[in-house]
Amino acid sequence: MAKRPREKWQAEARLKMECMGIGYKELAERIGSTQGTVGQAMCKNYSSKIKQKICDYLGIDADEENVS
């Protein structure tokens, strides 16, 4: 079972990926990253660079507040 996203952008990214029918591997390929890096960004700590790449590709706001 996947860990619950800690931040709103992570939750939105997961929802958008589900709607697009893509997983971490395909997203990673599309943004020029690795599956492991994308997976860590979606569940744990991440760099602002990978966060921005994910958000830009998925068309979501990278500056959203944390999930409460």
PDB file of N, CA and C in Angstrom:
ATOM      1  N   MET A   1       0.842  -1.186   0.000  1.00  0.00           N
ATOM      2  CA  MET A   1       0.000   0.000   0.000  1.00  0.00           C
ATOM      3  C   MET A   1       0.883   1.243   0.000  1.00  0.00           C
ATOM      4  N   ALA A   2       0.558   2.204  -0.839  1.00  0.00           N
ATOM      5  CA  ALA A   2       1.343   3.436  -0.935  1.00  0.00           C
ATOM      6  C   ALA A   2       1.135   4.294   0.302  1.00  0.00           C
ATOM      7  N   LYS A   3       2.193   5.016   0.645  1.00  0.00           N
ATOM      8  CA  LYS A   3       2.102   5.913   1.779  1.00  0.00           C
ATOM      9  C   LYS A   3       1.233   7.108   1.422  1.00  0.00           C
ATOM     10  N   ARG A   4       0.613   7.681   2.430  1.00  0.00           N
ATOM     11  CA  ARG A   4      -0.233   8.847   2.238  1.00  0.00           C
ATOM     12  C   ARG A   4       0.647  10.064   1.937  1.00  0.00           C
ATOM     13  N   PRO A   5       0.282  10.846   0.925  1.00  0.00           N
ATOM     14  CA  PRO A   5       1.070  12.042   0.612  1.00  0.00           C
ATOM     15  C   PRO A   5       1.081  13.013   1.786  1.00  0.00           C
ATOM     16  N   ARG A   6       2.230  13.653   2.005  1.00  0.00           N
ATOM     17  CA  ARG A   6       2.351  14.618   3.087  1.00  0.00           C
ATOM     18  C   ARG A   6       1.957  16.012   2.638  1.00  0.00           C
ATOM     19  N   GLU A   7       2.030  16.276   1.369  1.00  0.00           N
ATOM     20  CA  GLU A   7       1.746  17.610   0.868  1.00  0.00           C
ATOM     21  C   GLU A   7       0.673  17.554  -0.216  1.00  0.00           C
ATOM     22  N   LYS A   8      -0.022  18.668  -0.360  1.00  0.00           N
ATOM     23  CA  LYS A   8      -1.132  18.728  -1.305  1.00  0.00           C
ATOM     24  C   LYS A   8      -0.687  18.429  -2.734  1.00  0.00           C
ATOM     25  N   TRP A   9       0.487  18.940  -3.136  1.00  0.00           N
ATOM     26  CA  TRP A   9       0.932  18.697  -4.511  1.00  0.00           C
ATOM     27  C   TRP A   9       1.119  17.215  -4.769  1.00  0.00           C
ATOM     28  N   GLN A  10       1.563  16.465  -3.734  1.00  0.00           N
ATOM     29  CA  GLN A  10       1.763  15.023  -3.907  1.00  0.00           C
ATOM     30  C   GLN A  10       0.426  14.325  -4.129  1.00  0.00           C
ATOM     31  N   ALA A  11      -0.593  14.715  -3.373  1.00  0.00           N
ATOM     32  CA  ALA A  11      -1.921  14.125  -3.536  1.00  0.00           C
ATOM     33  C   ALA A  11      -2.491  14.462  -4.910  1.00  0.00           C
ATOM     34  N   GLU A  12      -2.327  15.706  -5.333  1.00  0.00           N
ATOM     35  CA  GLU A  12      -2.815  16.111  -6.650  1.00  0.00           C
ATOM     36  C   GLU A  12      -2.071  15.393  -7.767  1.00  0.00           C
ATOM     37  N   ALA A  13      -0.778  15.213  -7.586  1.00  0.00           N
ATOM     38  CA  ALA A  13       0.015  14.511  -8.601  1.00  0.00           C
ATOM     39  C   ALA A  13      -0.446  13.065  -8.738  1.00  0.00           C
ATOM     40  N   ARG A  14      -0.671  12.407  -7.614  1.00  0.00           N
ATOM     41  CA  ARG A  14      -1.149  11.013  -7.670  1.00  0.00           C
ATOM     42  C   ARG A  14      -2.493  10.910  -8.381  1.00  0.00           C
ATOM     43  N   LEU A  15      -3.391  11.830  -8.066  1.00  0.00           N
ATOM     44  CA  LEU A  15      -4.705  11.826  -8.703  1.00  0.00           C
ATOM     45  C   LEU A  15      -4.587  12.063 -10.203  1.00  0.00           C
ATOM     46  N   LYS A  16      -3.763  13.019 -10.586  1.00  0.00           N
ATOM     47  CA  LYS A  16      -3.568  13.332 -12.002  1.00  0.00           C
ATOM     48  C   LYS A  16      -2.935  12.142 -12.734  1.00  0.00           C
ATOM     49  N   MET A  17      -1.951  11.499 -12.097  1.00  0.00           N
ATOM     50  CA  MET A  17      -1.319  10.329 -12.708  1.00  0.00           C
ATOM     51  C   MET A  17      -2.334   9.208 -12.900  1.00  0.00           C
ATOM     52  N   GLU A  18      -3.195   9.020 -11.916  1.00  0.00           N
ATOM     53  CA  GLU A  18      -4.223   7.982 -12.022  1.00  0.00           C
ATOM     54  C   GLU A  18      -5.169   8.287 -13.180  1.00  0.00           C
ATOM     55  N   CYS A  19      -5.568   9.540 -13.311  1.00  0.00           N
ATOM     56  CA  CYS A  19      -6.454   9.932 -14.419  1.00  0.00           C
ATOM     57  C   CYS A  19      -5.791   9.735 -15.782  1.00  0.00           C
ATOM     58  N   MET A  20      -4.471   9.969 -15.818  1.00  0.00           N
ATOM     59  CA  MET A  20      -3.714   9.813 -17.065  1.00  0.00           C
ATOM     60  C   MET A  20      -3.351   8.357 -17.334  1.00  0.00           C
ATOM     61  N   GLY A  21      -3.522   7.500 -16.330  1.00  0.00           N
ATOM     62  CA  GLY A  21      -3.191   6.091 -16.486  1.00  0.00           C
ATOM     63  C   GLY A  21      -1.698   5.815 -16.518  1.00  0.00           C
ATOM     64  N   ILE A  22      -0.911   6.624 -15.792  1.00  0.00           N
ATOM     65  CA  ILE A  22       0.531   6.415 -15.765  1.00  0.00           C
ATOM     66  C   ILE A  22       1.011   6.169 -14.342  1.00  0.00           C
ATOM     67  N   GLY A  23       2.118   5.471 -14.235  1.00  0.00           N
ATOM     68  CA  GLY A  23       2.729   5.202 -12.938  1.00  0.00           C
ATOM     69  C   GLY A  23       4.033   5.963 -12.813  1.00  0.00           C
ATOM     70  N   TYR A  24       4.761   5.680 -11.741  1.00  0.00           N
ATOM     71  CA  TYR A  24       6.021   6.366 -11.481  1.00  0.00           C
ATOM     72  C   TYR A  24       7.034   6.156 -12.607  1.00  0.00           C
ATOM     73  N   LYS A  25       7.094   4.935 -13.121  1.00  0.00           N
ATOM     74  CA  LYS A  25       8.076   4.635 -14.167  1.00  0.00           C
ATOM     75  C   LYS A  25       7.825   5.468 -15.414  1.00  0.00           C
ATOM     76  N   GLU A  26       6.590   5.507 -15.870  1.00  0.00           N
ATOM     77  CA  GLU A  26       6.272   6.260 -17.076  1.00  0.00           C
ATOM     78  C   GLU A  26       6.440   7.763 -16.847  1.00  0.00           C
ATOM     79  N   LEU A  27       6.027   8.265 -15.688  1.00  0.00           N
ATOM     80  CA  LEU A  27       6.225   9.677 -15.385  1.00  0.00           C
ATOM     81  C   LEU A  27       7.712  10.013 -15.393  1.00  0.00           C
ATOM     82  N   ALA A  28       8.508   9.154 -14.766  1.00  0.00           N
ATOM     83  CA  ALA A  28       9.961   9.370 -14.719  1.00  0.00           C
ATOM     84  C   ALA A  28      10.550   9.450 -16.126  1.00  0.00           C
ATOM     85  N   GLU A  29      10.142   8.549 -17.000  1.00  0.00           N
ATOM     86  CA  GLU A  29      10.633   8.559 -18.379  1.00  0.00           C
ATOM     87  C   GLU A  29      10.254   9.855 -19.086  1.00  0.00           C
ATOM     88  N   ARG A  30       9.052  10.317 -18.838  1.00  0.00           N
ATOM     89  CA  ARG A  30       8.560  11.521 -19.513  1.00  0.00           C
ATOM     90  C   ARG A  30       9.243  12.796 -19.019  1.00  0.00           C
ATOM     91  N   ILE A  31       9.724  12.801 -17.775  1.00  0.00           N
ATOM     92  CA  ILE A  31      10.376  14.015 -17.246  1.00  0.00           C
ATOM     93  C   ILE A  31      11.892  13.878 -17.188  1.00  0.00           C
ATOM     94  N   GLY A  32      12.415  12.764 -17.680  1.00  0.00           N
ATOM     95  CA  GLY A  32      13.863  12.571 -17.718  1.00  0.00           C
ATOM     96  C   GLY A  32      14.467  12.266 -16.363  1.00  0.00           C
ATOM     97  N   SER A  33      13.778  11.445 -15.587  1.00  0.00           N
ATOM     98  CA  SER A  33      14.251  11.087 -14.255  1.00  0.00           C
ATOM     99  C   SER A  33      14.213   9.571 -14.111  1.00  0.00           C
ATOM    100  N   THR A  34      14.346   9.099 -12.878  1.00  0.00           N
ATOM    101  CA  THR A  34      14.257   7.660 -12.621  1.00  0.00           C
ATOM    102  C   THR A  34      13.008   7.350 -11.809  1.00  0.00           C
ATOM    103  N   GLN A  35      12.571   6.112 -11.897  1.00  0.00           N
ATOM    104  CA  GLN A  35      11.403   5.678 -11.146  1.00  0.00           C
ATOM    105  C   GLN A  35      11.637   5.854  -9.641  1.00  0.00           C
ATOM    106  N   GLY A  36      12.841   5.528  -9.181  1.00  0.00           N
ATOM    107  CA  GLY A  36      13.155   5.653  -7.762  1.00  0.00           C
ATOM    108  C   GLY A  36      13.076   7.084  -7.265  1.00  0.00           C
ATOM    109  N   THR A  37      13.580   8.007  -8.068  1.00  0.00           N
ATOM    110  CA  THR A  37      13.546   9.421  -7.683  1.00  0.00           C
ATOM    111  C   THR A  37      12.116   9.927  -7.620  1.00  0.00           C
ATOM    112  N   VAL A  38      11.310   9.567  -8.601  1.00  0.00           N
ATOM    113  CA  VAL A  38       9.905   9.981  -8.604  1.00  0.00           C
ATOM    114  C   VAL A  38       9.173   9.364  -7.408  1.00  0.00           C
ATOM    115  N   GLY A  39       9.411   8.091  -7.154  1.00  0.00           N
ATOM    116  CA  GLY A  39       8.769   7.421  -6.023  1.00  0.00           C
ATOM    117  C   GLY A  39       9.119   8.074  -4.698  1.00  0.00           C
ATOM    118  N   GLN A  40      10.381   8.426  -4.515  1.00  0.00           N
ATOM    119  CA  GLN A  40      10.791   9.093  -3.280  1.00  0.00           C
ATOM    120  C   GLN A  40      10.150  10.469  -3.167  1.00  0.00           C
ATOM    121  N   ALA A  41      10.088  11.187  -4.271  1.00  0.00           N
ATOM    122  CA  ALA A  41       9.482  12.516  -4.251  1.00  0.00           C
ATOM    123  C   ALA A  41       8.001  12.452  -3.885  1.00  0.00           C
ATOM    124  N   MET A  42       7.347  11.373  -4.298  1.00  0.00           N
ATOM    125  CA  MET A  42       5.918  11.250  -4.034  1.00  0.00           C
ATOM    126  C   MET A  42       5.602  10.772  -2.620  1.00  0.00           C
ATOM    127  N   CYS A  43       6.582  10.229  -1.923  1.00  0.00           N
ATOM    128  CA  CYS A  43       6.332   9.661  -0.598  1.00  0.00           C
ATOM    129  C   CYS A  43       7.188  10.275   0.509  1.00  0.00           C
ATOM    130  N   LYS A  44       8.333  10.800   0.154  1.00  0.00           N
ATOM    131  CA  LYS A  44       9.300  11.229   1.154  1.00  0.00           C
ATOM    132  C   LYS A  44       9.832  12.602   0.811  1.00  0.00           C
ATOM    133  N   ASN A  45      11.087  12.792   1.150  1.00  0.00           N
ATOM    134  CA  ASN A  45      11.763  14.049   0.829  1.00  0.00           C
ATOM    135  C   ASN A  45      12.043  14.129  -0.661  1.00  0.00           C
ATOM    136  N   TYR A  46      12.204  15.326  -1.146  1.00  0.00           N
ATOM    137  CA  TYR A  46      12.413  15.550  -2.565  1.00  0.00           C
ATOM    138  C   TYR A  46      13.158  16.869  -2.750  1.00  0.00           C
ATOM    139  N   SER A  47      13.770  17.021  -3.892  1.00  0.00           N
ATOM    140  CA  SER A  47      14.412  18.290  -4.218  1.00  0.00           C
ATOM    141  C   SER A  47      13.376  19.187  -4.892  1.00  0.00           C
ATOM    142  N   SER A  48      13.598  20.478  -4.811  1.00  0.00           N
ATOM    143  CA  SER A  48      12.672  21.404  -5.455  1.00  0.00           C
ATOM    144  C   SER A  48      12.677  21.206  -6.972  1.00  0.00           C
ATOM    145  N   LYS A  49      13.825  20.760  -7.508  1.00  0.00           N
ATOM    146  CA  LYS A  49      13.936  20.542  -8.953  1.00  0.00           C
ATOM    147  C   LYS A  49      13.016  19.413  -9.416  1.00  0.00           C
ATOM    148  N   ILE A  50      13.030  18.279  -8.719  1.00  0.00           N
ATOM    149  CA  ILE A  50      12.168  17.156  -9.131  1.00  0.00           C
ATOM    150  C   ILE A  50      10.698  17.487  -8.885  1.00  0.00           C
ATOM    151  N   LYS A  51      10.421  18.169  -7.787  1.00  0.00           N
ATOM    152  CA  LYS A  51       9.045  18.594  -7.519  1.00  0.00           C
ATOM    153  C   LYS A  51       8.540  19.469  -8.661  1.00  0.00           C
ATOM    154  N   GLN A  52       9.350  20.424  -9.085  1.00  0.00           N
ATOM    155  CA  GLN A  52       8.947  21.335 -10.159  1.00  0.00           C
ATOM    156  C   GLN A  52       8.754  20.591 -11.471  1.00  0.00           C
ATOM    157  N   LYS A  53       9.633  19.638 -11.778  1.00  0.00           N
ATOM    158  CA  LYS A  53       9.492  18.851 -13.016  1.00  0.00           C
ATOM    159  C   LYS A  53       8.178  18.074 -13.020  1.00  0.00           C
ATOM    160  N   ILE A  54       7.872  17.429 -11.891  1.00  0.00           N
ATOM    161  CA  ILE A  54       6.633  16.644 -11.777  1.00  0.00           C
ATOM    162  C   ILE A  54       5.419  17.552 -11.941  1.00  0.00           C
ATOM    163  N   CYS A  55       5.421  18.647 -11.207  1.00  0.00           N
ATOM    164  CA  CYS A  55       4.277  19.562 -11.244  1.00  0.00           C
ATOM    165  C   CYS A  55       4.095  20.198 -12.618  1.00  0.00           C
ATOM    166  N   ASP A  56       5.196  20.605 -13.238  1.00  0.00           N
ATOM    167  CA  ASP A  56       5.101  21.192 -14.577  1.00  0.00           C
ATOM    168  C   ASP A  56       4.520  20.198 -15.569  1.00  0.00           C
ATOM    169  N   TYR A  57       5.007  18.961 -15.530  1.00  0.00           N
ATOM    170  CA  TYR A  57       4.519  17.959 -16.469  1.00  0.00           C
ATOM    171  C   TYR A  57       3.030  17.671 -16.258  1.00  0.00           C
ATOM    172  N   LEU A  58       2.626  17.581 -15.002  1.00  0.00           N
ATOM    173  CA  LEU A  58       1.235  17.235 -14.697  1.00  0.00           C
ATOM    174  C   LEU A  58       0.302  18.438 -14.699  1.00  0.00           C
ATOM    175  N   GLY A  59       0.865  19.639 -14.783  1.00  0.00           N
ATOM    176  CA  GLY A  59       0.032  20.849 -14.823  1.00  0.00           C
ATOM    177  C   GLY A  59      -0.606  21.178 -13.491  1.00  0.00           C
ATOM    178  N   ILE A  60       0.131  20.971 -12.405  1.00  0.00           N
ATOM    179  CA  ILE A  60      -0.396  21.297 -11.086  1.00  0.00           C
ATOM    180  C   ILE A  60       0.484  22.353 -10.424  1.00  0.00           C
ATOM    181  N   ASP A  61      -0.057  23.009  -9.396  1.00  0.00           N
ATOM    182  CA  ASP A  61       0.642  24.077  -8.697  1.00  0.00           C
ATOM    183  C   ASP A  61       1.638  23.491  -7.706  1.00  0.00           C
ATOM    184  N   ALA A  62       2.904  23.813  -7.883  1.00  0.00           N
ATOM    185  CA  ALA A  62       3.961  23.298  -7.002  1.00  0.00           C
ATOM    186  C   ALA A  62       4.000  24.027  -5.674  1.00  0.00           C
ATOM    187  N   ASP A  63       3.299  25.115  -5.547  1.00  0.00           N
ATOM    188  CA  ASP A  63       3.363  25.942  -4.337  1.00  0.00           C
ATOM    189  C   ASP A  63       2.190  25.750  -3.387  1.00  0.00           C
ATOM    190  N   GLU A  64       1.464  24.653  -3.526  1.00  0.00           N
ATOM    191  CA  GLU A  64       0.308  24.389  -2.669  1.00  0.00           C
ATOM    192  C   GLU A  64       0.730  24.142  -1.224  1.00  0.00           C
ATOM    193  N   GLU A  65      -0.164  24.414  -0.311  1.00  0.00           N
ATOM    194  CA  GLU A  65       0.055  24.185   1.118  1.00  0.00           C
ATOM    195  C   GLU A  65       0.039  22.700   1.434  1.00  0.00           C
ATOM    196  N   ASN A  66       0.530  22.331   2.617  1.00  0.00           N
ATOM    197  CA  ASN A  66       0.532  20.931   3.078  1.00  0.00           C
ATOM    198  C   ASN A  66      -0.891  20.421   3.273  1.00  0.00           C
ATOM    199  N   VAL A  67      -1.052  19.103   3.196  1.00  0.00           N
ATOM    200  CA  VAL A  67      -2.328  18.453   3.479  1.00  0.00           C
ATOM    201  C   VAL A  67      -2.524  18.490   4.984  1.00  0.00           C
ATOM    202  N   SER A  68      -3.725  18.831   5.424  1.00  0.00           N
ATOM    203  CA  SER A  68      -3.960  18.878   6.871  1.00  0.00           C
ATOM    204  C   SER A  68      -4.579  17.604   7.384  1.00  0.00           C
TER     205      SER A  68
END
